[in-house]
PDB file of all heavy atoms in Angstrom:
ATOM      1  N   ASP A   1       9.308  17.916   5.623  1.00  0.00           N
ATOM      2  CA  ASP A   1       8.550  18.783   4.677  1.00  0.00           C
ATOM      3  C   ASP A   1       8.973  18.404   3.234  1.00  0.00           C
ATOM      4  O   ASP A   1       8.171  18.314   2.299  1.00  0.00           O
ATOM      5  CB  ASP A   1       8.795  20.236   4.907  1.00  0.00           C
ATOM      6  CG  ASP A   1       8.154  20.730   6.214  1.00  0.00           C
ATOM      7  OD1 ASP A   1       7.313  20.063   6.703  1.00  0.00           O
ATOM      8  OD2 ASP A   1       8.622  21.805   6.688  1.00  0.00           O
ATOM      9  N   ALA A   2      10.244  18.111   3.056  1.00  0.00           N
ATOM     10  CA  ALA A   2      10.696  17.825   1.672  1.00  0.00           C
ATOM     11  C   ALA A   2      10.262  16.451   1.171  1.00  0.00           C
ATOM     12  O   ALA A   2       9.791  16.378   0.046  1.00  0.00           O
ATOM     13  CB  ALA A   2      12.203  17.770   1.740  1.00  0.00           C
ATOM     14  N   VAL A   3      10.183  15.486   2.055  1.00  0.00           N
ATOM     15  CA  VAL A   3       9.612  14.217   1.620  1.00  0.00           C
ATOM     16  C   VAL A   3       8.196  14.262   1.180  1.00  0.00           C
ATOM     17  O   VAL A   3       7.854  13.708   0.206  1.00  0.00           O
ATOM     18  CB  VAL A   3       9.854  13.120   2.766  1.00  0.00           C
ATOM     19  CG1 VAL A   3       9.080  11.820   2.384  1.00  0.00           C
ATOM     20  CG2 VAL A   3      11.341  12.769   2.906  1.00  0.00           C
ATOM     21  N   ALA A   4       7.445  15.067   1.963  1.00  0.00           N
ATOM     22  CA  ALA A   4       6.034  15.264   1.627  1.00  0.00           C
ATOM     23  C   ALA A   4       6.009  15.986   0.251  1.00  0.00           C
ATOM     24  O   ALA A   4       5.115  15.623  -0.556  1.00  0.00           O
ATOM     25  CB  ALA A   4       5.319  16.089   2.642  1.00  0.00           C
ATOM     26  N   GLN A   5       6.883  16.966   0.050  1.00  0.00           N
ATOM     27  CA  GLN A   5       6.864  17.688  -1.208  1.00  0.00           C
ATOM     28  C   GLN A   5       7.261  16.816  -2.441  1.00  0.00           C
ATOM     29  O   GLN A   5       6.837  16.930  -3.538  1.00  0.00           O
ATOM     30  CB  GLN A   5       7.756  18.905  -1.132  1.00  0.00           C
ATOM     31  CG  GLN A   5       7.657  19.953  -2.339  1.00  0.00           C
ATOM     32  CD  GLN A   5       8.333  21.179  -2.041  1.00  0.00           C
ATOM     33  OE1 GLN A   5       8.418  21.649  -0.883  1.00  0.00           O
ATOM     34  NE2 GLN A   5       8.734  21.811  -3.098  1.00  0.00           N
ATOM     35  N   LEU A   6       8.150  15.896  -2.156  1.00  0.00           N
ATOM     36  CA  LEU A   6       8.629  14.966  -3.313  1.00  0.00           C
ATOM     37  C   LEU A   6       7.523  13.954  -3.663  1.00  0.00           C
ATOM     38  O   LEU A   6       7.640  13.194  -4.732  1.00  0.00           O
ATOM     39  CB  LEU A   6       9.875  14.211  -2.794  1.00  0.00           C
ATOM     40  CG  LEU A   6      11.118  15.139  -2.675  1.00  0.00           C
ATOM     41  CD1 LEU A   6      12.225  14.376  -1.956  1.00  0.00           C
ATOM     42  CD2 LEU A   6      11.663  15.485  -4.138  1.00  0.00           C
ATOM     43  N   GLY A   7       6.580  13.745  -2.759  1.00  0.00           N
ATOM     44  CA  GLY A   7       5.485  12.754  -3.072  1.00  0.00           C
ATOM     45  C   GLY A   7       5.341  11.687  -2.015  1.00  0.00           C
ATOM     46  O   GLY A   7       4.605  10.756  -2.341  1.00  0.00           O
ATOM     47  N   GLY A   8       6.021  11.856  -0.895  1.00  0.00           N
ATOM     48  CA  GLY A   8       5.790  10.915   0.183  1.00  0.00           C
ATOM     49  C   GLY A   8       6.672   9.808   0.171  1.00  0.00           C
ATOM     50  O   GLY A   8       7.547   9.583  -0.712  1.00  0.00           O
ATOM     51  N   SER A   9       6.439   8.885   1.131  1.00  0.00           N
ATOM     52  CA  SER A   9       7.422   7.656   1.318  1.00  0.00           C
ATOM     53  C   SER A   9       7.420   6.655   0.078  1.00  0.00           C
ATOM     54  O   SER A   9       8.300   5.815   0.018  1.00  0.00           O
ATOM     55  CB  SER A   9       7.010   6.910   2.542  1.00  0.00           C
ATOM     56  OG  SER A   9       5.663   6.492   2.552  1.00  0.00           O
ATOM     57  N   ALA A  10       6.380   6.780  -0.743  1.00  0.00           N
ATOM     58  CA  ALA A  10       6.357   5.940  -1.932  1.00  0.00           C
ATOM     59  C   ALA A  10       7.461   6.130  -2.859  1.00  0.00           C
ATOM     60  O   ALA A  10       7.901   5.229  -3.651  1.00  0.00           O
ATOM     61  CB  ALA A  10       4.959   6.017  -2.640  1.00  0.00           C
ATOM     62  N   VAL A  11       8.021   7.310  -2.918  1.00  0.00           N
ATOM     63  CA  VAL A  11       9.072   7.617  -3.836  1.00  0.00           C
ATOM     64  C   VAL A  11      10.320   8.185  -3.201  1.00  0.00           C
ATOM     65  O   VAL A  11      11.429   8.202  -3.874  1.00  0.00           O
ATOM     66  CB  VAL A  11       8.603   8.746  -4.856  1.00  0.00           C
ATOM     67  CG1 VAL A  11       7.436   8.211  -5.755  1.00  0.00           C
ATOM     68  CG2 VAL A  11       8.157  10.019  -4.120  1.00  0.00           C
ATOM     69  N   ALA A  12      10.220   8.569  -1.882  1.00  0.00           N
ATOM     70  CA  ALA A  12      11.489   9.107  -1.270  1.00  0.00           C
ATOM     71  C   ALA A  12      11.430   8.893   0.179  1.00  0.00           C
ATOM     72  O   ALA A  12      10.393   8.645   0.796  1.00  0.00           O
ATOM     73  CB  ALA A  12      11.483  10.695  -1.574  1.00  0.00           C
ATOM     74  N   GLU A  13      12.624   8.979   0.761  1.00  0.00           N
ATOM     75  CA  GLU A  13      12.759   8.926   2.232  1.00  0.00           C
ATOM     76  C   GLU A  13      13.990   9.708   2.666  1.00  0.00           C
ATOM     77  O   GLU A  13      14.687  10.220   1.845  1.00  0.00           O
ATOM     78  CB  GLU A  13      12.886   7.523   2.669  1.00  0.00           C
ATOM     79  CG  GLU A  13      13.983   6.676   1.993  1.00  0.00           C
ATOM     80  CD  GLU A  13      13.810   5.141   2.362  1.00  0.00           C
ATOM     81  OE1 GLU A  13      14.321   4.758   3.447  1.00  0.00           O
ATOM     82  OE2 GLU A  13      13.219   4.489   1.436  1.00  0.00           O
ATOM     83  N   SER A  14      14.109   9.950   3.923  1.00  0.00           N
ATOM     84  CA  SER A  14      15.135  10.852   4.507  1.00  0.00           C
ATOM     85  C   SER A  14      15.896  10.307   5.486  1.00  0.00           C
ATOM     86  O   SER A  14      15.484   9.272   6.202  1.00  0.00           O
ATOM     87  CB  SER A  14      14.313  12.178   4.903  1.00  0.00           C
ATOM     88  OG  SER A  14      13.611  11.842   6.113  1.00  0.00           O
ATOM     89  N   ARG A  15      17.049  10.875   5.698  1.00  0.00           N
ATOM     90  CA  ARG A  15      18.009  10.506   6.898  1.00  0.00           C
ATOM     91  C   ARG A  15      18.622  11.792   7.364  1.00  0.00           C
ATOM     92  O   ARG A  15      18.941  12.731   6.613  1.00  0.00           O
ATOM     93  CB  ARG A  15      19.122   9.567   6.336  1.00  0.00           C
ATOM     94  CG  ARG A  15      18.650   8.207   5.748  1.00  0.00           C
ATOM     95  CD  ARG A  15      18.081   7.329   6.796  1.00  0.00           C
ATOM     96  NE  ARG A  15      17.865   5.944   6.255  1.00  0.00           N
ATOM     97  CZ  ARG A  15      16.760   5.554   5.536  1.00  0.00           C
ATOM     98  NH1 ARG A  15      15.820   6.492   5.292  1.00  0.00           N
ATOM     99  NH2 ARG A  15      16.690   4.317   5.164  1.00  0.00           N
ATOM    100  N   VAL A  16      18.749  11.903   8.679  1.00  0.00           N
ATOM    101  CA  VAL A  16      19.556  13.016   9.271  1.00  0.00           C
ATOM    102  C   VAL A  16      20.973  12.683   9.107  1.00  0.00           C
ATOM    103  O   VAL A  16      21.437  11.564   9.541  1.00  0.00           O
ATOM    104  CB  VAL A  16      19.094  13.188  10.727  1.00  0.00           C
ATOM    105  CG1 VAL A  16      19.951  14.295  11.380  1.00  0.00           C
ATOM    106  CG2 VAL A  16      17.657  13.531  10.843  1.00  0.00           C
ATOM    107  N   CYS A  17      21.769  13.673   8.594  1.00  0.00           N
ATOM    108  CA  CYS A  17      23.232  13.458   8.557  1.00  0.00           C
ATOM    109  C   CYS A  17      23.936  14.782   8.486  1.00  0.00           C
ATOM    110  O   CYS A  17      23.337  15.814   7.872  1.00  0.00           O
ATOM    111  CB  CYS A  17      23.568  12.778   7.195  1.00  0.00           C
ATOM    112  SG  CYS A  17      25.324  12.639   6.830  1.00  0.00           S
ATOM    113  N   ASP A  18      24.994  14.877   9.221  1.00  0.00           N
ATOM    114  CA  ASP A  18      25.810  16.140   9.139  1.00  0.00           C
ATOM    115  C   ASP A  18      27.046  15.805   8.267  1.00  0.00           C
ATOM    116  O   ASP A  18      27.924  15.031   8.687  1.00  0.00           O
ATOM    117  CB  ASP A  18      26.296  16.405  10.605  1.00  0.00           C
ATOM    118  CG  ASP A  18      27.078  17.739  10.679  1.00  0.00           C
ATOM    119  OD1 ASP A  18      27.499  18.255   9.691  1.00  0.00           O
ATOM    120  OD2 ASP A  18      27.224  18.214  11.828  1.00  0.00           O
ATOM    121  N   VAL A  19      27.016  16.499   7.182  1.00  0.00           N
ATOM    122  CA  VAL A  19      28.002  16.202   6.198  1.00  0.00           C
ATOM    123  C   VAL A  19      29.471  16.511   6.618  1.00  0.00           C
ATOM    124  O   VAL A  19      30.509  16.038   6.049  1.00  0.00           O
ATOM    125  CB  VAL A  19      27.667  16.906   4.840  1.00  0.00           C
ATOM    126  CG1 VAL A  19      27.989  18.420   4.946  1.00  0.00           C
ATOM    127  CG2 VAL A  19      28.461  16.325   3.677  1.00  0.00           C
ATOM    128  N   ARG A  20      29.582  17.345   7.639  1.00  0.00           N
ATOM    129  CA  ARG A  20      30.847  17.697   8.257  1.00  0.00           C
ATOM    130  C   ARG A  20      31.494  16.603   9.056  1.00  0.00           C
ATOM    131  O   ARG A  20      32.728  16.563   9.280  1.00  0.00           O
ATOM    132  CB  ARG A  20      30.742  18.981   9.101  1.00  0.00           C
ATOM    133  CG  ARG A  20      30.172  20.203   8.332  1.00  0.00           C
ATOM    134  CD  ARG A  20      29.839  21.255   9.439  1.00  0.00           C
ATOM    135  NE  ARG A  20      28.699  20.794  10.339  1.00  0.00           N
ATOM    136  CZ  ARG A  20      28.252  21.560  11.239  1.00  0.00           C
ATOM    137  NH1 ARG A  20      28.767  22.828  11.463  1.00  0.00           N
ATOM    138  NH2 ARG A  20      27.360  21.096  12.129  1.00  0.00           N
ATOM    139  N   ASP A  21      30.707  15.599   9.441  1.00  0.00           N
ATOM    140  CA  ASP A  21      31.023  14.510  10.327  1.00  0.00           C
ATOM    141  C   ASP A  21      31.265  13.243   9.443  1.00  0.00           C
ATOM    142  O   ASP A  21      30.231  12.650   8.998  1.00  0.00           O
ATOM    143  CB  ASP A  21      30.017  14.356  11.408  1.00  0.00           C
ATOM    144  CG  ASP A  21      30.316  13.351  12.444  1.00  0.00           C
ATOM    145  OD1 ASP A  21      31.245  12.500  12.252  1.00  0.00           O
ATOM    146  OD2 ASP A  21      29.536  13.208  13.488  1.00  0.00           O
ATOM    147  N   ARG A  22      32.505  12.824   9.412  1.00  0.00           N
ATOM    148  CA  ARG A  22      32.766  11.592   8.572  1.00  0.00           C
ATOM    149  C   ARG A  22      32.015  10.426   9.208  1.00  0.00           C
ATOM    150  O   ARG A  22      31.501   9.538   8.331  1.00  0.00           O
ATOM    151  CB  ARG A  22      34.266  11.320   8.590  1.00  0.00           C
ATOM    152  CG  ARG A  22      34.644  10.361   7.514  1.00  0.00           C
ATOM    153  CD  ARG A  22      36.241  10.362   7.523  1.00  0.00           C
ATOM    154  NE  ARG A  22      36.777  11.714   7.332  1.00  0.00           N
ATOM    155  CZ  ARG A  22      38.061  12.022   7.690  1.00  0.00           C
ATOM    156  NH1 ARG A  22      38.871  11.109   8.344  1.00  0.00           N
ATOM    157  NH2 ARG A  22      38.498  13.194   7.542  1.00  0.00           N
ATOM    158  N   GLU A  23      31.906  10.256  10.389  1.00  0.00           N
ATOM    159  CA  GLU A  23      31.212   9.131  10.974  1.00  0.00           C
ATOM    160  C   GLU A  23      29.775   9.183  10.571  1.00  0.00           C
ATOM    161  O   GLU A  23      29.053   8.145  10.383  1.00  0.00           O
ATOM    162  CB  GLU A  23      31.403   8.975  12.482  1.00  0.00           C
ATOM    163  CG  GLU A  23      30.767   7.853  13.170  1.00  0.00           C
ATOM    164  CD  GLU A  23      31.126   6.468  12.658  1.00  0.00           C
ATOM    165  OE1 GLU A  23      32.213   6.346  12.073  1.00  0.00           O
ATOM    166  OE2 GLU A  23      30.303   5.606  12.778  1.00  0.00           O
ATOM    167  N   SER A  24      29.065  10.272  10.687  1.00  0.00           N
ATOM    168  CA  SER A  24      27.752  10.483  10.338  1.00  0.00           C
ATOM    169  C   SER A  24      27.508  10.096   8.834  1.00  0.00           C
ATOM    170  O   SER A  24      26.531   9.484   8.477  1.00  0.00           O
ATOM    171  CB  SER A  24      27.324  11.973  10.634  1.00  0.00           C
ATOM    172  OG  SER A  24      25.928  12.114  10.285  1.00  0.00           O
ATOM    173  N   VAL A  25      28.446  10.538   8.036  1.00  0.00           N
ATOM    174  CA  VAL A  25      28.304  10.148   6.568  1.00  0.00           C
ATOM    175  C   VAL A  25      28.466   8.625   6.425  1.00  0.00           C
ATOM    176  O   VAL A  25      27.704   8.024   5.582  1.00  0.00           O
ATOM    177  CB  VAL A  25      29.341  10.885   5.771  1.00  0.00           C
ATOM    178  CG1 VAL A  25      29.374  10.440   4.389  1.00  0.00           C
ATOM    179  CG2 VAL A  25      29.118  12.410   5.835  1.00  0.00           C
TER     180      VAL A  25
END
């Protein structure tokens, strides 16, 4: 939803990450 709100893949992209998990970061 956020990427769409930002203007789509032309300007933004996303990654799933759990900031609590050092390996995920």
